[in-house]
Amino acid sequence: MELPIVAVPAYIEELSTEFADLFTQERLFNQFKRLMTAFPIAEKCTIAHMNGLFTEHTNQSNLNRFVTTSNWDMDELNRRRFRIINEIEGDGAVIIDDYLVEKYGEEIYGVDWHYDHSTGKKVWGVQIADCILSGKGIFPLLSTVYIKEKSKWINDDDPFKTKIEIQKEHLTYLVKMGLGFSYVAMDCWYFCKDMTDHIEGLGKDWIAEAKSNRLVWYHGKWISLQDLALMMFKKYNFRVVNIGNDKYHMKAFTVKMKDMGAVRLLVSLNKHGNFKFYVSNRTDWNETAMAKHYCPRWDIEVWHREGKGNYGIEDCLLRSRRRVEMYSTLSSLAANFLEISSMLSPVYASLIKQGCTPEMKHRWVAAELVGKLIMYVGGICNTEVRKIMGGLLCPYKSTMGKREAS
């Protein structure tokens, strides 16, 4: 059962001050703080549900208007949150990827049939191209719904863009907004000349997984990475590299790759006898450096699981690109707030010792809310207690009856 929220947590109050002047009215700023509070702890991240968590709330339409129609400056909000992230991290890796979210209904923005490679079936839902910053923490940054070329959602204001074009725009925007990062990590789907040229044009390095059928020049002919690996494993002693509890045999080479030019290639053999291939523009990186710089790629998978479960990705039912962008920006900022505050907290060492999982961070927030609830109940009358009981028993009260004033 969710706790009724009687007050905004201290970390939200503190971090929100950086954004206060973006909102023209105090009530809008209060709605902003409520969303930052509700996103990490709500069991459902619909506007109505998050609004109903607060013992003192108005009709959910007020919060809905804040998310969908208010005129706060999204670019300036992003510029400020990236500045705060820079102060915490200083540097990091931007990870790009995409994922599918199943949906029900035909009016949700971007819904279509998409092929799910994990199941081998088509899924009705939305496909989202996104990126995170991976460093000491994991910080979701930007999310864009991918619209298929012949979709009903394509129009003059919302033209077709490939996922590679979307991610190139993301990276350009991150540099423009001043986010500090030194390289980009990506899987084999995004590994192409168009993408790597764009990244290098932004002054950043890159590392990517490569498919085994990519061709490299060897002894006067083009051969596949798989064939090269088989020959190199027989010819050279591969270095043993420990990653977590697993051991890998690795060897790095500088090779000429078709359509790419000179690149650094890492050949990795796992305990099951399978080769994996990783490529970078950094020809000075050895086996350990290549492995170290690619490993953060998996942090985006952590965010996808957490985002679907805790930050409303599955619950977002909005019907326009602009509204989805505003919702996802606020959702990712709420995740950034929690990540930053947990890293600055005196109990961070304890969180690290216990794995610093998303669940542990959410429990940390819940513990503060329990403390506020206890203090609140200790000094209030029976009427206020009944409000708390009402919040527990009827969380959707704000959607019923007459519309209340903001």
Protein backbone atom coordinates (compact mmCIF):
# COMPACT_ATOMS: atom_id res chain seq x y z
CA MET A 1 0.00 0.00 0.00
CA GLU A 2 1.28 3.47 -0.88
CA LEU A 3 1.77 6.07 1.83
CA PRO A 4 -0.26 9.27 1.76
CA ILE A 5 2.12 12.19 1.17
CA VAL A 6 1.76 15.01 3.67
CA ALA A 7 4.87 16.99 2.66
CA VAL A 8 7.47 17.16 -0.07
CA PRO A 9 10.75 15.39 0.91
CA ALA A 10 13.71 17.57 1.88
CA TYR A 11 15.80 16.52 -1.14
CA ILE A 12 13.04 17.68 -3.52
CA GLU A 13 12.74 21.02 -1.72
CA GLU A 14 16.50 21.54 -1.95
CA LEU A 15 17.07 20.50 -5.58
CA SER A 16 13.93 22.21 -6.85
CA THR A 17 15.19 25.66 -5.90
CA GLU A 18 17.36 25.61 -9.04
CA PHE A 19 14.18 25.56 -11.14
CA ALA A 20 11.83 27.83 -9.17
CA ASP A 21 12.06 30.87 -11.44
CA LEU A 22 11.05 28.80 -14.50
CA PHE A 23 7.49 28.77 -13.21
CA THR A 24 5.50 32.01 -13.35
CA GLN A 25 3.26 31.17 -10.41
CA GLU A 26 3.88 29.52 -7.05
CA ARG A 27 1.09 27.00 -7.65
CA LEU A 28 2.90 25.80 -10.81
CA PHE A 29 6.11 25.40 -8.84
CA ASN A 30 4.19 23.40 -6.22
CA GLN A 31 2.82 21.10 -8.95
CA PHE A 32 6.39 20.65 -10.19
CA LYS A 33 7.59 19.59 -6.71
CA ARG A 34 4.66 17.22 -6.34
CA LEU A 35 5.56 15.44 -9.56
CA MET A 36 9.22 15.19 -8.53
CA THR A 37 8.01 13.56 -5.30
CA ALA A 38 5.40 11.24 -6.79
CA PHE A 39 7.25 9.75 -9.78
CA PRO A 40 9.72 7.60 -7.79
CA ILE A 41 7.19 6.20 -5.31
CA ALA A 42 3.84 5.95 -7.13
CA GLU A 43 2.67 2.45 -8.00
CA LYS A 44 1.03 3.97 -11.10
CA CYS A 45 2.40 7.13 -12.68
CA THR A 46 -0.82 8.38 -14.23
CA ILE A 47 -1.57 12.01 -13.46
CA ALA A 48 -4.71 11.12 -11.49
CA HIS A 49 -2.94 8.55 -9.34
CA MET A 50 0.06 10.75 -8.54
CA ASN A 51 -2.22 13.66 -7.71
CA GLY A 52 -4.27 11.48 -5.34
CA LEU A 53 -1.22 10.49 -3.28
CA PHE A 54 -1.17 13.91 -1.59
CA THR A 55 -3.49 14.47 1.36
CA GLU A 56 -3.90 18.10 0.29
CA HIS A 57 -4.70 18.15 -3.42
CA THR A 58 -6.93 19.82 -5.96
CA ASN A 59 -8.64 18.22 -8.94
CA GLN A 60 -6.23 16.15 -11.03
CA SER A 61 -6.97 18.38 -14.06
CA ASN A 62 -4.75 21.06 -12.51
CA LEU A 63 -1.74 18.72 -12.44
CA ASN A 64 -2.66 17.45 -15.90
CA ARG A 65 -2.62 20.99 -17.31
CA PHE A 66 0.78 21.59 -15.73
CA VAL A 67 2.21 18.58 -17.60
CA THR A 68 0.45 19.08 -20.93
CA THR A 69 -0.25 22.76 -21.54
CA SER A 70 1.81 25.01 -19.24
CA ASN A 71 4.50 27.09 -20.94
CA TRP A 72 7.58 26.37 -18.82
CA ASP A 73 10.82 26.36 -20.83
CA MET A 74 11.90 22.77 -21.45
CA ASP A 75 15.28 23.75 -22.92
CA GLU A 76 16.17 25.89 -19.92
CA LEU A 77 15.01 23.15 -17.55
CA ASN A 78 17.29 20.67 -19.35
CA ARG A 79 20.21 23.10 -19.35
CA ARG A 80 19.94 23.48 -15.57
CA ARG A 81 19.56 19.77 -14.82
CA PHE A 82 22.58 18.98 -17.03
CA ARG A 83 24.57 21.60 -15.11
CA ILE A 84 23.66 19.91 -11.83
CA ILE A 85 24.62 16.51 -13.25
CA ASN A 86 27.96 17.97 -14.38
CA GLU A 87 28.65 19.15 -10.83
CA ILE A 88 28.09 15.61 -9.56
CA GLU A 89 29.75 13.60 -12.32
CA GLY A 90 32.21 15.88 -14.14
CA ASP A 91 32.41 13.37 -16.99
CA GLY A 92 30.86 10.12 -18.15
CA ALA A 93 29.62 8.08 -21.08
CA VAL A 94 26.44 8.72 -23.01
CA ILE A 95 24.70 5.45 -23.85
CA ILE A 96 22.20 5.33 -26.72
CA ASP A 97 19.61 2.60 -27.30
CA ASP A 98 15.90 2.00 -27.89
CA TYR A 99 13.19 -0.21 -26.41
CA LEU A 100 9.55 -1.25 -26.79
CA VAL A 101 6.67 -0.59 -24.42
CA GLU A 102 3.39 -2.44 -24.95
CA LYS A 103 0.29 -0.24 -24.97
CA TYR A 104 -3.46 -0.70 -25.25
CA GLY A 105 -5.56 1.68 -27.30
CA GLU A 106 -5.20 3.45 -30.62
CA GLU A 107 -5.02 7.14 -29.63
CA ILE A 108 -1.85 7.02 -27.52
CA TYR A 109 0.85 8.98 -29.34
CA GLY A 110 3.08 6.81 -31.53
CA VAL A 111 1.35 3.44 -31.07
CA ASP A 112 1.91 1.00 -33.90
CA TRP A 113 2.95 -2.57 -34.59
CA HIS A 114 6.67 -3.05 -33.87
CA TYR A 115 8.81 -6.16 -34.17
CA ASP A 116 10.16 -7.29 -30.80
CA HIS A 117 13.51 -9.04 -31.35
CA SER A 118 13.47 -10.53 -27.84
CA THR A 119 10.27 -12.49 -28.50
CA GLY A 120 10.29 -12.74 -32.30
CA LYS A 121 6.77 -11.33 -32.42
CA LYS A 122 5.09 -8.07 -33.35
CA VAL A 123 3.99 -5.93 -30.42
CA TRP A 124 1.36 -3.17 -30.30
CA GLY A 125 2.98 -0.29 -28.50
CA VAL A 126 5.54 2.48 -28.79
CA GLN A 127 9.21 2.32 -29.58
CA ILE A 128 11.39 4.85 -27.77
CA ALA A 129 14.90 5.99 -28.68
CA ASP A 130 16.63 7.26 -25.57
CA CYS A 131 19.98 8.01 -23.96
CA ILE A 132 21.48 8.11 -20.48
CA LEU A 133 24.66 9.35 -18.86
CA SER A 134 26.61 6.61 -17.10
CA GLY A 135 29.23 7.53 -14.52
CA LYS A 136 29.20 7.13 -10.77
CA GLY A 137 25.40 7.15 -11.20
CA ILE A 138 22.88 6.46 -13.95
CA PHE A 139 21.07 9.54 -15.30
CA PRO A 140 18.28 9.26 -17.91
CA LEU A 141 18.57 12.22 -20.29
CA LEU A 142 16.36 12.32 -23.38
CA SER A 143 13.58 10.13 -24.81
CA THR A 144 11.88 10.37 -28.21
CA VAL A 145 9.07 8.19 -29.54
CA TYR A 146 10.09 6.63 -32.85
CA ILE A 147 7.35 6.99 -35.47
CA LYS A 148 7.30 4.54 -38.38
CA GLU A 149 7.57 6.04 -41.85
CA LYS A 150 3.96 5.39 -42.95
CA SER A 151 2.39 5.91 -39.55
CA LYS A 152 -0.74 8.01 -39.13
CA TRP A 153 1.26 10.17 -36.72
CA ILE A 154 3.54 11.52 -39.47
CA ASN A 155 2.71 15.09 -40.54
CA ASP A 156 4.42 18.35 -41.47
CA ASP A 157 5.03 19.21 -37.82
CA ASP A 158 6.12 15.68 -36.95
CA PRO A 159 8.13 14.33 -39.94
CA PHE A 160 9.63 10.86 -40.20
CA LYS A 161 13.07 10.37 -38.64
CA THR A 162 15.06 7.19 -38.39
CA LYS A 163 16.26 6.08 -34.98
CA ILE A 164 19.80 6.99 -36.03
CA GLU A 165 18.64 10.51 -36.95
CA ILE A 166 16.84 10.79 -33.59
CA GLN A 167 19.95 9.77 -31.67
CA LYS A 168 22.15 12.15 -33.67
CA GLU A 169 19.76 14.96 -32.66
CA HIS A 170 19.94 13.80 -29.04
CA LEU A 171 23.74 13.92 -29.01
CA THR A 172 23.85 17.34 -30.70
CA TYR A 173 21.35 18.65 -28.15
CA LEU A 174 23.36 17.29 -25.20
CA VAL A 175 26.49 19.07 -26.43
CA LYS A 176 24.54 22.28 -27.09
CA MET A 177 23.04 22.18 -23.57
CA GLY A 178 26.47 21.72 -22.04
CA LEU A 179 26.34 18.14 -20.70
CA GLY A 180 29.83 16.88 -19.85
CA PHE A 181 30.72 13.52 -21.42
CA SER A 182 33.73 12.16 -23.27
CA TYR A 183 32.44 9.25 -25.33
CA VAL A 184 29.36 7.42 -26.62
CA ALA A 185 28.69 3.68 -26.22
CA MET A 186 26.18 1.82 -28.40
CA ASP A 187 25.15 -1.63 -29.56
CA CYS A 188 25.66 -3.01 -33.07
CA TRP A 189 22.36 -1.58 -34.37
CA TYR A 190 23.69 2.01 -34.15
CA PHE A 191 27.19 1.18 -35.36
CA CYS A 192 27.47 2.82 -38.79
CA LYS A 193 29.63 5.43 -40.51
CA ASP A 194 26.88 8.05 -40.35
CA MET A 195 26.68 7.78 -36.57
CA THR A 196 30.41 7.57 -35.84
CA ASP A 197 31.20 10.54 -38.11
CA HIS A 198 28.56 12.57 -36.28
CA ILE A 199 29.96 11.66 -32.86
CA GLU A 200 33.52 12.53 -33.92
CA GLY A 201 32.21 15.80 -35.40
CA LEU A 202 30.96 16.68 -31.90
CA GLY A 203 34.47 16.10 -30.54
CA LYS A 204 33.60 12.85 -28.75
CA ASP A 205 34.97 9.31 -28.87
CA TRP A 206 32.86 6.19 -29.39
CA ILE A 207 32.80 2.45 -28.78
CA ALA A 208 30.29 -0.01 -30.23
CA GLU A 209 29.54 -3.68 -30.49
CA ALA A 210 29.96 -5.03 -34.03
CA LYS A 211 28.26 -7.93 -35.78
CA SER A 212 30.42 -10.93 -36.59
CA ASN A 213 29.86 -10.52 -40.35
CA ARG A 214 31.50 -7.07 -40.52
CA LEU A 215 34.48 -7.17 -42.89
CA VAL A 216 38.11 -6.27 -42.20
CA TRP A 217 41.15 -6.23 -44.51
CA TYR A 218 43.55 -9.07 -43.79
CA HIS A 219 46.38 -10.36 -45.97
CA GLY A 220 45.08 -8.75 -49.14
CA LYS A 221 41.38 -9.63 -48.82
CA TRP A 222 38.20 -8.81 -46.89
CA ILE A 223 37.28 -11.39 -44.27
CA SER A 224 34.58 -11.46 -41.59
CA LEU A 225 35.28 -10.69 -37.96
CA GLN A 226 34.33 -14.26 -37.07
CA ASP A 227 36.96 -15.68 -39.45
CA LEU A 228 39.55 -13.19 -38.22
CA ALA A 229 38.87 -14.15 -34.60
CA LEU A 230 39.35 -17.85 -35.29
CA MET A 231 42.72 -17.19 -36.92
CA MET A 232 43.90 -14.71 -34.28
CA PHE A 233 42.97 -17.02 -31.40
CA LYS A 234 45.26 -19.68 -32.82
CA LYS A 235 48.07 -17.22 -33.58
CA TYR A 236 48.18 -15.01 -30.45
CA ASN A 237 47.96 -15.40 -26.70
CA PHE A 238 44.74 -13.72 -25.60
CA ARG A 239 44.75 -11.70 -22.39
CA VAL A 240 42.54 -12.85 -19.48
CA VAL A 241 40.31 -9.98 -18.33
CA ASN A 242 38.03 -10.23 -15.29
CA ILE A 243 34.65 -8.50 -15.53
CA GLY A 244 32.66 -9.02 -12.35
CA ASN A 245 32.79 -12.73 -11.55
CA ASP A 246 33.41 -13.77 -15.16
CA LYS A 247 36.66 -14.25 -17.07
CA TYR A 248 37.12 -13.42 -20.74
CA HIS A 249 39.95 -14.01 -23.17
CA MET A 250 40.55 -10.77 -25.07
CA LYS A 251 42.84 -9.36 -27.71
CA ALA A 252 42.87 -5.86 -29.22
CA PHE A 253 44.02 -5.12 -32.77
CA THR A 254 44.10 -2.05 -35.00
CA VAL A 255 42.44 -3.04 -38.27
CA LYS A 256 41.01 -1.56 -41.44
CA MET A 257 37.23 -2.14 -41.42
CA LYS A 258 35.13 -1.88 -44.55
CA ASP A 259 33.26 1.45 -44.74
CA MET A 260 34.88 2.57 -41.47
CA GLY A 261 38.62 2.93 -42.04
CA ALA A 262 41.20 2.32 -39.30
CA VAL A 263 39.59 1.30 -35.99
CA ARG A 264 40.52 -0.48 -32.79
CA LEU A 265 38.99 -3.96 -32.60
CA LEU A 266 38.52 -5.95 -29.40
CA VAL A 267 37.93 -9.68 -29.84
CA SER A 268 36.41 -11.26 -26.70
CA LEU A 269 35.90 -14.98 -26.08
CA ASN A 270 33.58 -16.02 -23.24
CA LYS A 271 33.48 -19.27 -21.25
CA HIS A 272 30.92 -20.72 -23.66
CA GLY A 273 33.31 -20.40 -26.60
CA ASN A 274 31.46 -17.50 -28.25
CA PHE A 275 33.23 -14.51 -29.76
CA LYS A 276 32.03 -10.92 -29.32
CA PHE A 277 33.44 -7.91 -31.14
CA TYR A 278 33.80 -4.29 -30.05
CA VAL A 279 35.09 -1.40 -32.13
CA SER A 280 36.31 2.10 -31.22
CA ASN A 281 37.94 5.12 -32.83
CA ARG A 282 40.45 5.12 -29.93
CA THR A 283 43.31 3.13 -31.46
CA ASP A 284 45.39 3.63 -28.27
CA TRP A 285 43.03 1.63 -26.02
CA ASN A 286 44.21 -1.80 -24.85
CA GLU A 287 42.01 -4.77 -23.90
CA THR A 288 41.25 -3.51 -20.39
CA ALA A 289 40.43 0.00 -21.59
CA MET A 290 38.12 -1.30 -24.32
CA ALA A 291 36.25 -3.54 -21.86
CA LYS A 292 36.08 -0.78 -19.23
CA HIS A 293 34.62 1.73 -21.68
CA TYR A 294 32.01 -0.62 -23.14
CA CYS A 295 30.70 -2.07 -19.85
CA PRO A 296 28.63 1.07 -18.99
CA ARG A 297 26.50 0.28 -22.07
CA TRP A 298 24.50 -2.09 -19.87
CA ASP A 299 23.47 0.71 -17.52
CA ILE A 300 20.80 1.74 -20.00
CA GLU A 301 19.18 -1.67 -19.56
CA VAL A 302 19.01 -0.94 -15.82
CA TRP A 303 17.26 2.35 -16.58
CA HIS A 304 14.80 0.71 -19.00
CA ARG A 305 13.68 -1.72 -16.30
CA GLU A 306 13.45 1.02 -13.70
CA GLY A 307 11.79 3.51 -16.07
CA LYS A 308 9.07 1.07 -17.02
CA GLY A 309 8.44 0.10 -13.42
CA ASN A 310 8.88 3.34 -11.50
CA TYR A 311 8.83 6.37 -13.77
CA GLY A 312 5.66 6.10 -15.81
CA ILE A 313 6.95 4.88 -19.17
CA GLU A 314 4.23 2.23 -19.26
CA ASP A 315 1.60 4.54 -17.74
CA CYS A 316 2.02 7.46 -20.14
CA LEU A 317 -1.21 7.69 -22.19
CA LEU A 318 -0.77 11.14 -23.74
CA ARG A 319 -1.78 11.87 -27.32
CA SER A 320 0.72 14.34 -28.78
CA ARG A 321 4.48 14.52 -29.24
CA ARG A 322 4.83 17.71 -27.21
CA ARG A 323 2.91 16.31 -24.24
CA VAL A 324 4.90 13.09 -24.24
CA GLU A 325 8.15 15.10 -24.36
CA MET A 326 7.08 17.21 -21.37
CA TYR A 327 6.01 14.13 -19.41
CA SER A 328 9.24 12.21 -20.16
CA THR A 329 11.38 15.26 -19.34
CA LEU A 330 9.75 15.59 -15.91
CA SER A 331 9.95 11.84 -15.33
CA SER A 332 13.68 11.68 -16.13
CA LEU A 333 14.32 14.78 -14.00
CA ALA A 334 12.62 13.06 -11.05
CA ALA A 335 14.96 10.09 -11.56
CA ASN A 336 17.93 12.50 -11.75
CA PHE A 337 16.85 14.14 -8.48
CA LEU A 338 16.76 10.80 -6.67
CA GLU A 339 20.11 9.70 -8.11
CA ILE A 340 21.80 12.98 -7.18
CA SER A 341 20.34 13.14 -3.69
CA SER A 342 21.27 9.53 -2.91
CA MET A 343 24.86 10.23 -4.01
CA LEU A 344 25.05 13.32 -1.79
CA SER A 345 23.36 11.68 1.19
CA PRO A 346 25.35 10.67 4.29
CA VAL A 347 23.76 7.22 3.95
CA TYR A 348 25.15 6.79 0.40
CA ALA A 349 27.94 4.54 1.69
CA SER A 350 25.29 2.28 3.23
CA LEU A 351 23.36 2.23 -0.04
CA ILE A 352 26.52 1.30 -1.96
CA LYS A 353 27.26 -1.50 0.50
CA GLN A 354 23.77 -2.90 -0.15
CA GLY A 355 24.13 -2.62 -3.91
CA CYS A 356 22.52 0.85 -4.23
CA THR A 357 19.69 -0.73 -6.21
CA PRO A 358 16.72 1.36 -7.38
CA GLU A 359 14.61 -0.38 -4.72
CA MET A 360 16.99 0.73 -1.97
CA LYS A 361 16.85 4.35 -3.15
CA HIS A 362 13.05 4.25 -3.26
CA ARG A 363 12.97 2.83 0.28
CA TRP A 364 15.18 5.70 1.36
CA VAL A 365 12.59 8.19 0.05
CA ALA A 366 9.76 6.19 1.62
CA ALA A 367 11.56 6.30 4.98
CA GLU A 368 11.60 10.10 4.88
CA LEU A 369 7.92 10.22 3.95
CA VAL A 370 7.09 7.93 6.88
CA GLY A 371 8.97 10.27 9.19
CA LYS A 372 7.07 13.28 7.88
CA LEU A 373 3.78 11.40 8.23
CA ILE A 374 4.52 10.48 11.87
CA MET A 375 5.45 14.07 12.75
CA TYR A 376 2.40 15.35 10.92
CA VAL A 377 -0.01 12.99 12.67
CA GLY A 378 1.53 13.80 16.04
CA GLY A 379 0.46 17.42 15.85
CA ILE A 380 -2.88 17.43 14.08
CA CYS A 381 -6.55 17.10 14.92
CA ASN A 382 -9.01 14.33 14.05
CA THR A 383 -10.13 16.18 10.92
CA GLU A 384 -6.63 15.99 9.45
CA VAL A 385 -6.34 12.32 10.41
CA ARG A 386 -9.55 11.67 8.46
CA LYS A 387 -7.94 13.33 5.43
CA ILE A 388 -5.06 10.87 5.62
CA MET A 389 -7.48 7.97 5.96
CA GLY A 390 -9.35 9.28 2.96
CA GLY A 391 -6.14 9.40 0.96
CA LEU A 392 -5.54 5.75 1.74
CA LEU A 393 -9.07 4.55 1.09
CA CYS A 394 -9.93 6.75 -1.89
CA PRO A 395 -6.80 7.86 -3.77
CA TYR A 396 -8.81 8.96 -6.82
CA LYS A 397 -11.02 11.35 -4.88
CA SER A 398 -9.62 14.28 -6.88
CA THR A 399 -11.16 12.92 -10.10
CA MET A 400 -14.69 12.86 -8.67
CA GLY A 401 -17.31 15.55 -8.23
CA LYS A 402 -16.91 19.21 -9.02
CA ARG A 403 -13.66 20.61 -10.30
CA GLU A 404 -11.76 22.40 -7.56
CA ALA A 405 -9.78 25.58 -7.98
CA SER A 406 -6.00 25.42 -8.31
